[in-house]
N, C-alpha and C. Protein backbone atom coordinates (compact mmCIF):
# COMPACT_ATOMS: atom_id res chain seq x y z
N MET A 1 13.55 -89.88 69.48
CA MET A 1 13.11 -88.80 68.71
C MET A 1 12.89 -87.39 69.52
N SER A 2 13.34 -86.31 69.03
CA SER A 2 13.27 -85.16 70.14
C SER A 2 12.11 -84.59 69.35
N LYS A 3 11.22 -83.60 70.44
CA LYS A 3 10.10 -83.13 70.13
C LYS A 3 10.42 -81.93 71.03
N VAL A 4 9.47 -80.95 70.28
CA VAL A 4 9.74 -79.37 70.80
C VAL A 4 8.04 -78.88 70.89
N VAL A 5 7.91 -78.35 71.97
CA VAL A 5 6.58 -77.75 71.93
C VAL A 5 6.82 -76.26 72.41
N PHE A 6 6.13 -75.32 71.41
CA PHE A 6 6.18 -74.01 71.35
C PHE A 6 4.70 -73.38 72.02
N ARG A 7 4.99 -72.69 73.18
CA ARG A 7 3.80 -72.48 73.85
C ARG A 7 3.64 -70.91 74.07
N ILE A 8 2.51 -70.25 74.33
CA ILE A 8 2.38 -69.06 74.71
C ILE A 8 2.62 -68.99 76.14
N PRO A 9 3.86 -68.00 76.59
CA PRO A 9 4.34 -68.32 78.12
C PRO A 9 3.06 -68.10 79.15
N THR A 10 3.12 -69.00 80.03
CA THR A 10 2.13 -68.75 81.08
C THR A 10 1.93 -67.80 81.98
N PRO A 11 2.82 -67.14 82.00
CA PRO A 11 2.71 -65.83 82.82
C PRO A 11 1.51 -64.94 82.07
N ALA A 12 1.16 -65.20 80.67
CA ALA A 12 0.06 -64.66 80.34
C ALA A 12 -1.10 -64.83 81.04
N LEU A 13 -1.39 -65.92 81.90
CA LEU A 13 -2.50 -66.32 82.41
C LEU A 13 -2.70 -65.20 83.47
N LEU A 14 -1.65 -64.64 84.08
CA LEU A 14 -1.89 -63.52 85.22
C LEU A 14 -2.79 -62.40 84.54
N ALA A 15 -2.62 -62.08 83.33
CA ALA A 15 -3.35 -61.10 82.70
C ALA A 15 -4.74 -61.43 82.68
N ALA A 16 -5.05 -62.75 82.74
CA ALA A 16 -6.50 -63.20 82.59
C ALA A 16 -6.89 -63.17 83.99
N GLY A 17 -6.11 -63.45 85.02
CA GLY A 17 -6.48 -63.05 86.60
C GLY A 17 -6.90 -61.93 87.03
N LEU A 18 -5.80 -61.19 86.58
CA LEU A 18 -5.89 -59.48 86.65
C LEU A 18 -7.11 -58.84 86.25
N ALA A 19 -7.40 -59.29 84.98
CA ALA A 19 -8.46 -58.87 84.24
C ALA A 19 -9.98 -59.20 84.98
N THR A 20 -9.88 -60.29 85.59
CA THR A 20 -11.08 -60.93 86.20
C THR A 20 -11.58 -60.21 87.39
N ILE A 21 -10.18 -60.08 88.25
CA ILE A 21 -10.24 -58.97 89.70
C ILE A 21 -10.81 -57.55 89.32
N CYS A 22 -10.20 -57.16 88.25
CA CYS A 22 -10.47 -55.94 87.91
C CYS A 22 -12.01 -55.51 87.23
N ALA A 23 -12.51 -56.62 86.65
CA ALA A 23 -13.82 -56.58 86.08
C ALA A 23 -14.92 -56.82 87.21
N THR A 24 -14.57 -57.38 88.38
CA THR A 24 -15.66 -57.55 89.52
C THR A 24 -16.36 -56.64 89.88
N PRO A 25 -15.99 -55.45 90.28
CA PRO A 25 -16.79 -54.28 90.52
C PRO A 25 -17.77 -53.91 89.48
N PHE A 26 -17.30 -53.90 88.16
CA PHE A 26 -18.21 -53.72 87.20
C PHE A 26 -19.35 -54.80 86.69
N ALA A 27 -18.60 -56.02 86.82
CA ALA A 27 -19.65 -57.25 86.98
C ALA A 27 -20.91 -57.31 87.81
N TRP A 28 -20.68 -56.76 89.06
CA TRP A 28 -21.52 -57.02 89.87
C TRP A 28 -22.53 -55.68 90.08
N ALA A 29 -22.34 -54.78 89.23
CA ALA A 29 -23.18 -53.39 89.26
C ALA A 29 -24.51 -53.39 89.02
N ALA A 30 -24.84 -54.59 88.06
CA ALA A 30 -26.20 -54.61 87.22
C ALA A 30 -26.42 -56.06 86.87
N PRO A 31 -27.62 -56.53 87.33
CA PRO A 31 -27.78 -57.85 86.40
C PRO A 31 -27.27 -57.91 85.19
N GLY A 32 -26.66 -59.36 84.95
CA GLY A 32 -26.57 -59.34 83.34
C GLY A 32 -24.96 -59.08 83.15
N LEU A 33 -24.47 -58.33 83.79
CA LEU A 33 -22.95 -57.76 83.20
C LEU A 33 -22.12 -59.08 83.80
N GLN A 34 -22.31 -59.83 84.46
CA GLN A 34 -21.33 -61.05 84.94
C GLN A 34 -20.91 -61.87 83.74
N ALA A 35 -21.54 -61.53 82.69
CA ALA A 35 -21.02 -61.80 81.39
C ALA A 35 -19.73 -61.46 81.11
N ILE A 36 -19.12 -60.29 81.44
CA ILE A 36 -17.99 -59.89 81.51
C ILE A 36 -16.69 -60.72 81.76
N TYR A 37 -17.07 -61.57 82.54
CA TYR A 37 -16.03 -62.72 82.88
C TYR A 37 -15.75 -63.69 81.84
N LEU A 38 -16.67 -63.74 80.83
CA LEU A 38 -16.38 -64.56 79.55
C LEU A 38 -14.99 -64.06 78.71
N LEU A 39 -14.77 -63.06 78.77
CA LEU A 39 -13.44 -62.32 78.22
C LEU A 39 -12.15 -62.75 78.80
N PRO A 40 -12.06 -62.87 80.22
CA PRO A 40 -10.87 -63.38 80.75
C PRO A 40 -10.72 -64.63 80.54
N ALA A 41 -11.88 -65.37 80.79
CA ALA A 41 -11.89 -66.91 80.58
C ALA A 41 -11.56 -67.36 79.00
N ALA A 42 -12.38 -66.73 78.20
CA ALA A 42 -11.73 -66.81 76.89
C ALA A 42 -10.15 -66.69 76.67
N PHE A 43 -9.89 -65.62 76.97
CA PHE A 43 -8.43 -65.45 76.89
C PHE A 43 -7.46 -66.44 77.56
N ALA A 44 -7.81 -66.95 78.89
CA ALA A 44 -7.24 -68.13 79.44
C ALA A 44 -7.11 -69.22 78.71
N VAL A 45 -8.55 -69.65 78.10
CA VAL A 45 -8.43 -70.97 77.24
C VAL A 45 -7.89 -70.57 75.97
N TRP A 46 -7.45 -69.54 75.42
CA TRP A 46 -6.69 -69.33 74.18
C TRP A 46 -5.23 -69.63 74.77
N VAL A 47 -4.75 -68.90 75.74
CA VAL A 47 -3.44 -68.86 75.96
C VAL A 47 -3.00 -70.59 76.28
N VAL A 48 -3.99 -71.49 76.77
CA VAL A 48 -3.68 -72.51 77.13
C VAL A 48 -3.66 -73.57 75.84
N ARG A 49 -4.52 -73.55 74.87
CA ARG A 49 -4.69 -74.16 73.74
C ARG A 49 -3.96 -74.23 72.51
N ASN A 50 -3.44 -72.66 72.48
CA ASN A 50 -2.68 -72.59 71.23
C ASN A 50 -1.42 -72.73 71.50
N ARG A 51 -0.77 -73.93 70.62
CA ARG A 51 0.77 -74.24 70.72
C ARG A 51 1.02 -75.02 69.49
N THR A 52 2.20 -75.15 69.27
CA THR A 52 2.61 -75.99 68.02
C THR A 52 3.74 -77.02 68.77
N THR A 53 3.52 -78.38 68.33
CA THR A 53 4.46 -79.54 68.51
C THR A 53 5.10 -79.85 67.39
N VAL A 54 6.32 -79.89 67.43
CA VAL A 54 7.10 -80.19 66.30
C VAL A 54 8.29 -81.35 66.87
N ASP A 55 8.12 -82.47 65.72
CA ASP A 55 8.85 -83.54 65.90
C ASP A 55 9.69 -83.89 64.76
N GLY A 56 10.18 -84.94 64.57
CA GLY A 56 11.10 -85.36 63.20
C GLY A 56 10.19 -85.81 62.05
N GLU A 57 9.03 -85.93 62.51
CA GLU A 57 7.86 -86.70 61.38
C GLU A 57 6.74 -85.72 61.09
N ARG A 58 6.45 -84.72 61.87
CA ARG A 58 5.07 -83.82 61.63
C ARG A 58 5.40 -82.50 62.53
N ILE A 59 4.30 -81.89 62.21
CA ILE A 59 4.05 -80.62 62.80
C ILE A 59 2.75 -80.48 63.16
N VAL A 60 2.42 -80.41 64.38
CA VAL A 60 1.02 -80.25 64.82
C VAL A 60 0.84 -78.92 65.03
N ALA A 61 0.00 -78.16 64.45
CA ALA A 61 -0.57 -76.65 65.06
C ALA A 61 -1.80 -76.64 65.53
N ARG A 62 -1.97 -76.37 66.84
CA ARG A 62 -3.08 -76.44 67.70
C ARG A 62 -3.67 -75.06 68.10
N SER A 63 -4.99 -74.69 67.39
CA SER A 63 -5.33 -73.34 67.78
C SER A 63 -6.65 -73.74 68.86
N THR A 64 -6.98 -72.66 68.99
CA THR A 64 -8.24 -72.54 70.25
C THR A 64 -9.19 -73.60 69.83
N PHE A 65 -9.72 -74.00 68.48
CA PHE A 65 -10.85 -74.65 68.09
C PHE A 65 -10.49 -75.46 67.33
N GLY A 66 -9.23 -76.23 67.15
CA GLY A 66 -9.07 -77.17 66.27
C GLY A 66 -7.38 -77.50 66.04
N LYS A 67 -7.20 -78.48 65.14
CA LYS A 67 -5.56 -78.76 65.23
C LYS A 67 -5.53 -78.86 63.84
N ARG A 68 -4.26 -78.85 63.23
CA ARG A 68 -3.72 -79.18 61.93
C ARG A 68 -2.43 -79.98 62.08
N VAL A 69 -2.37 -81.20 61.38
CA VAL A 69 -1.25 -82.06 61.57
C VAL A 69 -0.70 -82.10 60.00
N VAL A 70 0.59 -81.63 60.02
CA VAL A 70 1.19 -81.48 58.77
C VAL A 70 2.35 -82.31 58.60
N PRO A 71 2.66 -83.42 57.91
CA PRO A 71 3.93 -83.86 57.63
C PRO A 71 4.81 -82.98 57.26
N TRP A 72 6.21 -83.48 57.51
CA TRP A 72 7.18 -82.67 57.08
C TRP A 72 7.46 -82.82 55.34
N SER A 73 6.97 -83.98 54.84
CA SER A 73 6.97 -84.23 53.58
C SER A 73 5.97 -83.12 52.53
N GLY A 74 4.99 -82.63 53.38
CA GLY A 74 4.28 -81.74 52.77
C GLY A 74 4.81 -80.45 52.84
N VAL A 75 5.94 -80.08 53.41
CA VAL A 75 6.11 -78.55 53.94
C VAL A 75 6.96 -78.21 52.64
N LYS A 76 6.61 -77.07 52.01
CA LYS A 76 7.43 -76.60 51.08
C LYS A 76 8.56 -75.73 51.33
N ALA A 77 7.94 -74.79 52.38
CA ALA A 77 8.89 -73.42 52.79
C ALA A 77 8.28 -72.99 54.25
N LEU A 78 9.11 -72.49 54.81
CA LEU A 78 8.79 -71.69 56.13
C LEU A 78 8.58 -70.19 55.86
N LYS A 79 7.27 -69.52 56.37
CA LYS A 79 7.25 -68.11 55.88
C LYS A 79 7.50 -67.48 57.20
N VAL A 80 8.72 -66.55 57.20
CA VAL A 80 9.05 -65.93 58.45
C VAL A 80 8.56 -64.61 58.31
N VAL A 81 7.65 -64.27 59.41
CA VAL A 81 7.34 -62.81 59.70
C VAL A 81 7.82 -62.31 61.05
N GLU A 82 8.55 -60.82 60.70
CA GLU A 82 9.49 -60.38 61.68
C GLU A 82 8.58 -60.16 63.25
N ARG A 83 7.30 -59.80 62.95
CA ARG A 83 6.65 -59.70 64.27
C ARG A 83 5.21 -60.30 64.30
N GLY A 84 5.35 -61.74 64.28
CA GLY A 84 4.41 -62.37 64.29
C GLY A 84 4.63 -63.71 64.19
N TRP A 85 3.61 -64.67 64.36
CA TRP A 85 3.87 -66.19 64.22
C TRP A 85 4.11 -66.42 62.65
N LEU A 86 5.14 -67.66 63.10
CA LEU A 86 5.48 -68.10 61.48
C LEU A 86 4.44 -69.15 60.93
N SER A 87 4.40 -69.19 59.73
CA SER A 87 3.70 -70.02 58.97
C SER A 87 4.52 -71.12 58.06
N VAL A 88 4.09 -72.23 57.79
CA VAL A 88 4.63 -73.19 56.93
C VAL A 88 3.77 -73.17 55.49
N VAL A 89 4.55 -73.04 54.32
CA VAL A 89 3.79 -73.15 53.05
C VAL A 89 3.82 -74.55 52.70
N LEU A 90 2.61 -75.08 52.29
CA LEU A 90 2.52 -76.37 51.89
C LEU A 90 2.68 -76.52 50.55
N ALA A 91 2.79 -77.75 50.17
CA ALA A 91 3.10 -77.99 48.58
C ALA A 91 2.32 -77.26 47.75
N ASP A 92 0.86 -77.48 48.17
CA ASP A 92 0.00 -76.71 47.33
C ASP A 92 -0.57 -75.08 47.29
N GLY A 93 0.40 -74.39 48.28
CA GLY A 93 0.79 -73.03 48.35
C GLY A 93 -0.27 -72.62 49.32
N SER A 94 -0.94 -73.47 50.02
CA SER A 94 -1.64 -72.90 51.34
C SER A 94 -0.61 -72.49 52.47
N LEU A 95 -1.14 -71.69 53.35
CA LEU A 95 -0.31 -71.70 54.46
C LEU A 95 -0.99 -72.13 55.83
N VAL A 96 -0.07 -72.45 56.90
CA VAL A 96 -0.61 -73.03 58.04
C VAL A 96 0.05 -72.33 59.30
N ARG A 97 -0.81 -71.50 59.68
CA ARG A 97 -0.02 -70.55 60.77
C ARG A 97 0.51 -71.69 61.95
N LEU A 98 1.68 -71.36 62.59
CA LEU A 98 2.31 -72.33 63.82
C LEU A 98 1.99 -71.17 65.03
N PRO A 99 1.19 -71.56 65.80
CA PRO A 99 0.86 -70.78 67.11
C PRO A 99 2.23 -70.67 67.95
N ALA A 100 2.55 -69.54 68.34
CA ALA A 100 3.59 -69.44 69.30
C ALA A 100 4.95 -69.81 68.75
N VAL A 101 4.92 -69.68 67.73
CA VAL A 101 6.34 -69.88 66.99
C VAL A 101 6.88 -68.51 66.37
N ARG A 102 8.09 -67.89 66.78
CA ARG A 102 8.43 -66.60 66.48
C ARG A 102 9.55 -66.83 65.48
N ALA A 103 10.15 -65.70 64.98
CA ALA A 103 11.30 -65.63 64.33
C ALA A 103 12.56 -66.06 65.11
N GLY A 104 12.55 -66.06 66.24
CA GLY A 104 13.86 -66.30 67.21
C GLY A 104 13.68 -67.97 67.30
N HIS A 105 12.76 -68.58 67.05
CA HIS A 105 12.54 -70.07 67.41
C HIS A 105 12.85 -70.78 66.13
N VAL A 106 13.36 -70.00 64.98
CA VAL A 106 13.82 -70.73 63.91
C VAL A 106 14.99 -71.71 64.03
N PRO A 107 16.12 -71.41 64.52
CA PRO A 107 16.96 -72.26 65.03
C PRO A 107 16.63 -73.64 65.71
N ALA A 108 15.59 -73.76 66.55
CA ALA A 108 15.29 -74.79 67.20
C ALA A 108 14.40 -75.56 66.31
N LEU A 109 13.56 -74.94 65.48
CA LEU A 109 12.95 -75.61 64.32
C LEU A 109 13.30 -76.32 63.55
N ALA A 110 14.72 -75.66 63.03
CA ALA A 110 15.60 -76.35 61.84
C ALA A 110 16.29 -77.40 62.63
N LEU A 111 16.67 -77.53 63.87
CA LEU A 111 17.25 -78.38 64.73
C LEU A 111 16.54 -79.74 64.70
N VAL A 112 15.12 -79.56 65.24
CA VAL A 112 14.17 -80.80 65.34
C VAL A 112 13.68 -81.29 64.02
N SER A 113 13.74 -80.55 62.92
CA SER A 113 13.40 -80.77 61.37
C SER A 113 14.09 -81.94 61.03
N GLY A 114 15.27 -82.31 61.51
CA GLY A 114 15.97 -83.34 60.92
C GLY A 114 16.73 -82.94 59.58
N GLY A 115 17.01 -81.64 59.20
CA GLY A 115 17.71 -81.14 58.14
C GLY A 115 16.89 -80.88 57.32
N ARG A 116 15.39 -80.96 57.43
CA ARG A 116 14.61 -80.47 56.28
C ARG A 116 14.33 -78.97 56.25
N LEU A 117 14.74 -78.07 57.25
CA LEU A 117 14.72 -76.71 57.36
C LEU A 117 16.16 -76.34 57.66
N PRO A 118 17.02 -75.55 56.72
CA PRO A 118 18.36 -75.09 56.98
C PRO A 118 18.57 -74.38 58.16
N ASN A 119 19.53 -74.54 58.94
CA ASN A 119 19.67 -73.71 60.07
C ASN A 119 20.28 -72.40 59.81
N PRO A 120 19.79 -71.41 60.09
CA PRO A 120 20.06 -70.02 59.91
C PRO A 120 21.47 -69.41 60.56
N THR A 121 21.62 -70.00 61.80
CA THR A 121 22.94 -69.65 62.64
C THR A 121 24.17 -70.30 61.84
N PRO A 122 25.05 -69.53 61.76
CA PRO A 122 26.34 -69.78 61.29
C PRO A 122 27.17 -70.78 62.17
N ALA A 123 27.52 -71.99 61.48
CA ALA A 123 28.59 -72.83 62.42
C ALA A 123 29.86 -72.38 62.71
N PRO A 124 30.20 -72.67 63.85
CA PRO A 124 31.55 -72.31 64.24
C PRO A 124 32.82 -72.81 63.42
N ASP A 125 33.77 -71.92 63.07
CA ASP A 125 34.84 -72.67 62.18
C ASP A 125 35.50 -73.13 62.79
N PRO A 126 36.04 -74.61 62.45
CA PRO A 126 36.79 -75.35 63.45
C PRO A 126 38.26 -74.82 63.15
N ASP A 127 38.74 -74.48 61.98
CA ASP A 127 39.92 -73.99 61.90
C ASP A 127 40.26 -72.53 62.65
N GLU A 128 39.41 -71.98 63.10
CA GLU A 128 39.50 -70.78 63.53
C GLU A 128 39.70 -71.14 65.13
N ALA A 129 40.70 -70.59 65.77
CA ALA A 129 41.16 -70.57 67.46
C ALA A 129 40.44 -69.68 68.24
N PRO A 130 39.98 -70.01 69.29
CA PRO A 130 39.51 -68.83 70.20
C PRO A 130 40.60 -68.10 70.29
N SER A 131 39.84 -66.62 70.35
CA SER A 131 40.89 -65.78 70.69
C SER A 131 41.06 -65.22 71.89
N THR A 132 42.29 -64.78 72.49
CA THR A 132 42.23 -64.64 73.82
C THR A 132 42.86 -63.19 73.89
N PRO A 133 41.78 -62.32 74.85
CA PRO A 133 42.04 -60.97 75.18
C PRO A 133 43.51 -60.86 75.56
N GLU A 134 43.86 -59.48 74.99
CA GLU A 134 45.27 -58.96 75.06
C GLU A 134 45.08 -58.27 76.66
N PRO A 135 46.60 -58.62 77.24
CA PRO A 135 46.62 -57.99 78.54
C PRO A 135 46.40 -56.38 78.57
N THR A 136 45.66 -55.97 79.42
CA THR A 136 45.49 -54.27 79.50
C THR A 136 45.82 -53.81 80.80
N THR A 137 46.31 -52.72 80.79
CA THR A 137 46.85 -51.68 82.12
C THR A 137 45.90 -50.66 82.43
N THR A 138 45.59 -50.73 83.59
CA THR A 138 44.55 -49.72 84.13
C THR A 138 45.11 -48.85 85.14
N THR A 139 44.72 -47.68 84.82
CA THR A 139 45.03 -46.92 86.15
C THR A 139 43.69 -46.31 87.15
N PRO A 140 44.25 -45.91 88.16
CA PRO A 140 42.91 -45.46 89.01
C PRO A 140 42.30 -44.44 88.38
N ALA A 141 40.95 -43.91 88.40
CA ALA A 141 40.37 -42.88 88.05
C ALA A 141 40.78 -41.51 88.55
N GLY A 142 41.07 -40.41 87.56
CA GLY A 142 41.58 -39.17 87.91
C GLY A 142 42.98 -39.14 88.16
N THR A 143 43.78 -40.26 87.84
CA THR A 143 45.01 -40.30 87.62
C THR A 143 45.84 -40.95 86.28
N ALA A 144 46.85 -40.05 86.29
CA ALA A 144 47.64 -40.71 84.73
C ALA A 144 49.14 -40.88 85.11
N ALA A 145 49.80 -41.85 84.42
CA ALA A 145 51.30 -41.79 84.77
C ALA A 145 52.11 -40.81 83.99
N ALA A 146 52.96 -40.23 84.54
CA ALA A 146 53.64 -38.93 84.08
C ALA A 146 54.04 -39.44 82.62
N GLY A 147 53.88 -38.40 81.77
CA GLY A 147 54.55 -38.22 80.36
C GLY A 147 53.10 -39.35 79.67
N THR A 148 51.97 -39.11 79.97
CA THR A 148 51.08 -39.87 79.41
C THR A 148 49.62 -38.74 78.74
N THR A 149 49.21 -39.26 77.99
CA THR A 149 48.00 -38.51 77.66
C THR A 149 46.61 -39.24 77.75
N ALA A 150 45.64 -38.56 78.14
CA ALA A 150 44.25 -39.32 78.29
C ALA A 150 43.39 -39.34 77.16
N THR A 151 43.29 -40.46 76.62
CA THR A 151 42.37 -40.53 75.28
C THR A 151 40.89 -41.12 75.71
N ALA A 152 40.04 -40.95 74.75
CA ALA A 152 38.69 -41.66 74.91
C ALA A 152 38.52 -42.86 74.74
N PRO A 153 38.04 -43.47 75.52
CA PRO A 153 37.66 -45.02 75.31
C PRO A 153 37.06 -45.23 74.10
N THR A 154 37.34 -46.53 73.78
CA THR A 154 36.27 -46.96 72.44
C THR A 154 35.52 -47.99 72.81
N SER A 155 34.30 -48.03 72.14
CA SER A 155 33.33 -49.35 72.43
C SER A 155 33.05 -50.02 71.14
N THR A 156 32.67 -51.08 71.32
CA THR A 156 32.05 -52.05 69.95
C THR A 156 30.61 -51.85 69.65
N ALA A 157 30.42 -51.46 68.87
CA ALA A 157 28.79 -51.53 68.14
C ALA A 157 28.42 -52.34 67.22
N GLY A 158 27.57 -53.30 67.42
CA GLY A 158 27.10 -54.51 66.54
C GLY A 158 26.61 -53.77 65.15
N ASP A 159 26.97 -54.27 64.28
CA ASP A 159 26.35 -54.11 62.70
C ASP A 159 25.26 -55.12 62.20
N ALA A 160 24.18 -54.83 62.75
CA ALA A 160 22.79 -55.62 62.49
C ALA A 160 23.17 -56.14 61.08
N ALA A 161 23.29 -55.42 60.00
CA ALA A 161 22.97 -55.69 58.46
C ALA A 161 24.14 -56.88 58.24
N SER A 162 25.58 -56.69 58.83
CA SER A 162 26.15 -57.72 58.44
C SER A 162 26.64 -58.59 59.46
N GLY A 163 26.32 -58.55 60.67
CA GLY A 163 26.51 -59.49 61.76
C GLY A 163 27.91 -59.17 62.55
N GLY A 164 28.54 -58.14 62.24
CA GLY A 164 29.85 -58.08 62.42
C GLY A 164 29.99 -56.82 63.34
N SER A 165 30.91 -56.39 64.03
CA SER A 165 31.28 -55.28 65.03
C SER A 165 32.07 -54.48 64.29
N ALA A 166 32.03 -53.13 64.58
CA ALA A 166 32.91 -52.33 64.14
C ALA A 166 33.32 -51.24 65.34
N GLU A 167 34.37 -51.02 65.32
CA GLU A 167 35.15 -50.02 66.35
C GLU A 167 34.57 -48.52 66.19
N THR A 168 33.97 -48.20 67.22
CA THR A 168 33.48 -46.97 67.09
C THR A 168 34.06 -46.01 68.25
N PRO A 169 34.74 -45.04 68.13
CA PRO A 169 35.10 -43.96 69.02
C PRO A 169 33.98 -43.54 69.81
N VAL A 170 34.23 -43.19 71.29
CA VAL A 170 33.29 -42.34 71.84
C VAL A 170 33.73 -41.22 71.85
N THR A 171 32.89 -40.18 71.47
CA THR A 171 33.02 -38.72 71.18
C THR A 171 32.47 -38.11 72.35
N PRO A 172 33.16 -36.97 73.28
CA PRO A 172 32.57 -36.39 74.37
C PRO A 172 31.29 -35.61 73.83
N ASP A 173 30.61 -34.99 74.48
CA ASP A 173 29.75 -33.82 74.38
C ASP A 173 30.41 -32.37 73.84
N ARG A 174 30.01 -31.84 73.37
CA ARG A 174 30.57 -30.24 72.96
C ARG A 174 30.73 -29.66 74.09
N ASP A 175 29.78 -29.37 75.00
CA ASP A 175 29.32 -28.89 76.27
C ASP A 175 29.86 -29.22 77.13
N ALA A 176 30.23 -30.51 77.23
CA ALA A 176 31.34 -31.19 78.73
C ALA A 176 32.57 -30.81 78.62
N THR A 177 33.17 -30.63 79.67
CA THR A 177 34.67 -29.98 79.91
C THR A 177 35.29 -31.29 80.04
N PRO A 178 36.67 -31.52 79.51
CA PRO A 178 37.18 -32.70 79.44
C PRO A 178 37.68 -32.84 81.13
N PRO A 179 38.15 -33.91 81.68
CA PRO A 179 38.47 -34.35 82.73
C PRO A 179 39.67 -33.58 83.12
N SER A 180 40.04 -33.22 84.33
CA SER A 180 41.46 -32.75 84.35
C SER A 180 42.28 -33.68 84.89
N VAL A 181 43.45 -33.99 84.34
CA VAL A 181 44.48 -34.89 84.39
C VAL A 181 45.81 -34.04 85.10
N GLN A 182 45.86 -34.51 86.21
CA GLN A 182 47.10 -34.03 87.19
C GLN A 182 48.24 -34.92 87.25
N SER A 183 49.56 -34.54 86.94
CA SER A 183 50.61 -35.33 87.32
C SER A 183 51.17 -35.24 88.63
N GLY A 184 52.11 -36.15 88.83
CA GLY A 184 52.54 -36.34 90.15
C GLY A 184 54.16 -35.46 90.47
N GLU A 185 54.08 -34.53 89.38
CA GLU A 185 55.32 -33.74 89.45
C GLU A 185 55.43 -32.87 90.50
């Protein structure tokens, strides 16, 4: 049985350590200000405690002060938020937030779910053969073969809406002067 644990990255604990170091002059300036050390300590506890464990049978969402176990049979849908943690929608319509699970983790979540969640990434087409790049010839910079003209290179730009790519010619600036091409005549 496969299991995946989603956690807040541990380098976030460096922020707690740096905050502790930076708070030291302020904390010892007057009696009672040592309580400022509670803030970085609370942040460190939050980083260590918040996590989501997913396996083939259940989802365990652990927060700072509790945990919630949700069997896959009780999950109705997955609520995907672009810039935040995901949530599962239960059969009764309530939401359970999944700490440390982001939209980029949906393929891993779908894989571990055992088919209960659809995988959003397209499967490779077995009929399609891998394409091989066509051979290209290059000439050193600043030189060109006799009888040829220099053209602007093209680059590919991804189209986020369709998932494909389109050929986009690179156009030079109006103020820029074109490079001089000298022939060997």
